Amino acid sequence: MPHRSAEAEWKGNLTEGKGRVKVQSGTLDAPYDFRGRTGDGQGTNPEELIGAAHAGCFTMQLSALLGKAGFTPERLHTTAKVHLEKQGEGFAIPLIELETHGRVPGLDAEGFRGHAETAKAGCPVSKALAGARITLKVSFG
């Protein structure tokens, strides 16, 4: 499968600087800043972008599992709450809370929960957030 890419540009120091994030498809080109992480900024931030990716991936995975089991959802809606916390000298994401709601004709709540748990474990973004190998190429000047 092809790779997908995104890019970020930053100008200035951490607390007063500003940046832009863009995705390969062109569907997102948005400002981001540190103030967006602390709650009083206007731009996006890495945590809400991770949340969007995780909610989207999980919901698609759940739809696929339901379809494979013979169910067609009327509606699936997922929220991902990404927690950013100060840890030592830096920050960490210790918790992501997924919350999903579905209307699936012919399926009971217990069956839906089972498919949702399987989707959480199998979605590629869940797997990546559990510990992906990250490579780095650097240039300077």
Protein backbone atom coordinates (compact mmCIF):
# COMPACT_ATOMS: atom_id res chain seq x y z
CA MET A 1 0.00 0.00 0.00
CA PRO A 2 1.18 3.59 -0.54
CA HIS A 3 2.46 5.72 2.30
CA ARG A 4 0.64 8.83 3.46
CA SER A 5 2.43 11.98 4.52
CA ALA A 6 1.95 15.22 6.36
CA GLU A 7 4.23 18.15 6.99
CA ALA A 8 4.69 20.83 9.60
CA GLU A 9 6.46 24.18 9.60
CA TRP A 10 7.23 26.22 12.71
CA LYS A 11 8.47 29.80 13.17
CA GLY A 12 9.50 31.24 16.52
CA ASN A 13 9.92 29.93 20.02
CA LEU A 14 7.66 27.31 21.62
CA THR A 15 5.24 29.48 23.54
CA GLU A 16 4.88 32.41 21.14
CA GLY A 17 5.70 30.80 17.81
CA LYS A 18 3.26 29.60 15.19
CA GLY A 19 3.17 26.88 12.62
CA ARG A 20 1.14 25.19 9.91
CA VAL A 21 0.37 21.54 9.36
CA LYS A 22 -0.61 20.14 5.98
CA VAL A 23 -1.63 16.72 4.76
CA GLN A 24 -0.74 15.10 1.46
CA SER A 25 -4.31 15.03 0.16
CA GLY A 26 -4.68 18.79 0.60
CA THR A 27 -7.79 18.40 2.75
CA LEU A 28 -6.09 19.94 5.78
CA ASP A 29 -3.86 23.00 5.84
CA ALA A 30 -4.21 24.50 9.29
CA PRO A 31 -2.42 26.73 11.78
CA TYR A 32 -1.16 25.23 15.02
CA ASP A 33 0.52 26.61 18.11
CA PHE A 34 1.40 25.81 21.69
CA ARG A 35 -1.53 27.85 22.96
CA GLY A 36 -3.83 25.38 21.17
CA ARG A 37 -2.43 22.67 23.42
CA THR A 38 -3.11 24.61 26.59
CA GLY A 39 -6.69 25.49 25.75
CA ASP A 40 -6.60 29.15 24.79
CA GLY A 41 -5.24 29.02 21.23
CA GLN A 42 -7.07 29.24 17.93
CA GLY A 43 -5.07 26.68 15.97
CA THR A 44 -5.11 22.92 16.01
CA ASN A 45 -2.57 20.86 17.91
CA PRO A 46 -0.89 17.47 17.57
CA GLU A 47 -3.12 15.85 20.19
CA GLU A 48 -6.38 16.67 18.44
CA LEU A 49 -4.90 15.53 15.13
CA ILE A 50 -3.96 12.22 16.78
CA GLY A 51 -7.50 12.06 18.15
CA ALA A 52 -9.00 12.62 14.70
CA ALA A 53 -6.78 9.95 13.18
CA HIS A 54 -7.56 7.47 15.94
CA ALA A 55 -11.33 8.09 15.91
CA GLY A 56 -11.42 7.84 12.12
CA CYS A 57 -9.33 4.67 11.91
CA PHE A 58 -11.19 2.93 14.74
CA THR A 59 -14.60 3.78 13.23
CA MET A 60 -13.58 2.49 9.80
CA GLN A 61 -12.21 -0.71 11.38
CA LEU A 62 -15.45 -1.19 13.31
CA SER A 63 -17.50 -0.71 10.14
CA ALA A 64 -15.35 -3.30 8.36
CA LEU A 65 -15.78 -5.83 11.16
CA LEU A 66 -19.52 -5.28 11.29
CA GLY A 67 -19.78 -5.69 7.54
CA LYS A 68 -17.76 -8.90 7.64
CA ALA A 69 -20.19 -10.20 10.29
CA GLY A 70 -23.17 -9.36 8.06
CA PHE A 71 -24.27 -6.10 9.72
CA THR A 72 -24.62 -2.69 8.09
CA PRO A 73 -24.42 0.17 10.58
CA GLU A 74 -26.91 3.02 10.20
CA ARG A 75 -24.51 5.26 12.08
CA LEU A 76 -21.24 5.02 13.98
CA HIS A 77 -19.89 7.98 15.93
CA THR A 78 -16.59 7.94 17.83
CA THR A 79 -14.83 10.49 19.99
CA ALA A 80 -11.16 10.17 20.94
CA LYS A 81 -10.05 12.17 23.97
CA VAL A 82 -6.24 12.47 23.93
CA HIS A 83 -4.67 13.38 27.28
CA LEU A 84 -1.46 15.43 27.28
CA GLU A 85 0.33 15.59 30.62
CA LYS A 86 3.55 17.09 31.92
CA GLN A 87 5.98 14.34 32.83
CA GLY A 88 9.45 15.23 34.04
CA GLU A 89 11.09 17.73 31.69
CA GLY A 90 8.64 17.10 28.89
CA PHE A 91 5.16 15.95 28.03
CA ALA A 92 3.56 12.58 27.34
CA ILE A 93 0.29 11.13 26.14
CA PRO A 94 -0.54 8.59 28.83
CA LEU A 95 -4.15 7.97 27.84
CA ILE A 96 -6.50 8.04 24.87
CA GLU A 97 -10.17 7.51 25.66
CA LEU A 98 -12.25 6.18 22.78
CA GLU A 99 -16.02 6.47 23.08
CA THR A 100 -18.21 5.06 20.36
CA HIS A 101 -21.93 4.92 19.75
CA GLY A 102 -23.60 2.89 17.06
CA ARG A 103 -26.97 2.07 15.55
CA VAL A 104 -26.68 -1.33 13.94
CA PRO A 105 -29.92 -3.10 12.96
CA GLY A 106 -30.00 -6.73 14.07
CA LEU A 107 -27.13 -6.43 16.55
CA ASP A 108 -27.46 -6.23 20.33
CA ALA A 109 -25.35 -4.14 22.71
CA GLU A 110 -23.14 -7.06 23.75
CA GLY A 111 -22.38 -7.93 20.14
CA PHE A 112 -21.60 -4.30 19.36
CA ARG A 113 -19.23 -4.10 22.35
CA GLY A 114 -17.40 -7.22 21.16
CA HIS A 115 -16.89 -5.84 17.66
CA ALA A 116 -15.80 -2.48 19.12
CA GLU A 117 -13.17 -4.14 21.34
CA THR A 118 -11.84 -6.07 18.35
CA ALA A 119 -11.73 -2.86 16.30
CA LYS A 120 -9.80 -1.06 19.05
CA ALA A 121 -7.17 -3.79 19.09
CA GLY A 122 -6.97 -4.11 15.30
CA CYS A 123 -7.10 -0.56 14.00
CA PRO A 124 -3.73 0.45 12.50
CA VAL A 125 -3.64 3.73 14.43
CA SER A 126 -4.23 1.90 17.74
CA LYS A 127 -1.34 -0.37 16.84
CA ALA A 128 0.91 2.55 15.88
CA LEU A 129 0.16 4.40 19.09
CA ALA A 130 1.09 1.28 21.04
CA GLY A 131 4.67 1.64 19.88
CA ALA A 132 5.72 2.08 16.28
CA ARG A 133 9.32 2.05 15.09
CA ILE A 134 10.13 5.64 14.16
CA THR A 135 12.95 6.52 11.81
CA LEU A 136 14.53 9.95 11.34
CA LYS A 137 16.47 11.68 8.57
CA VAL A 138 18.01 15.05 9.41
CA SER A 139 19.42 17.90 7.29
CA PHE A 140 20.63 21.25 8.47
CA GLY A 141 21.66 24.59 7.06
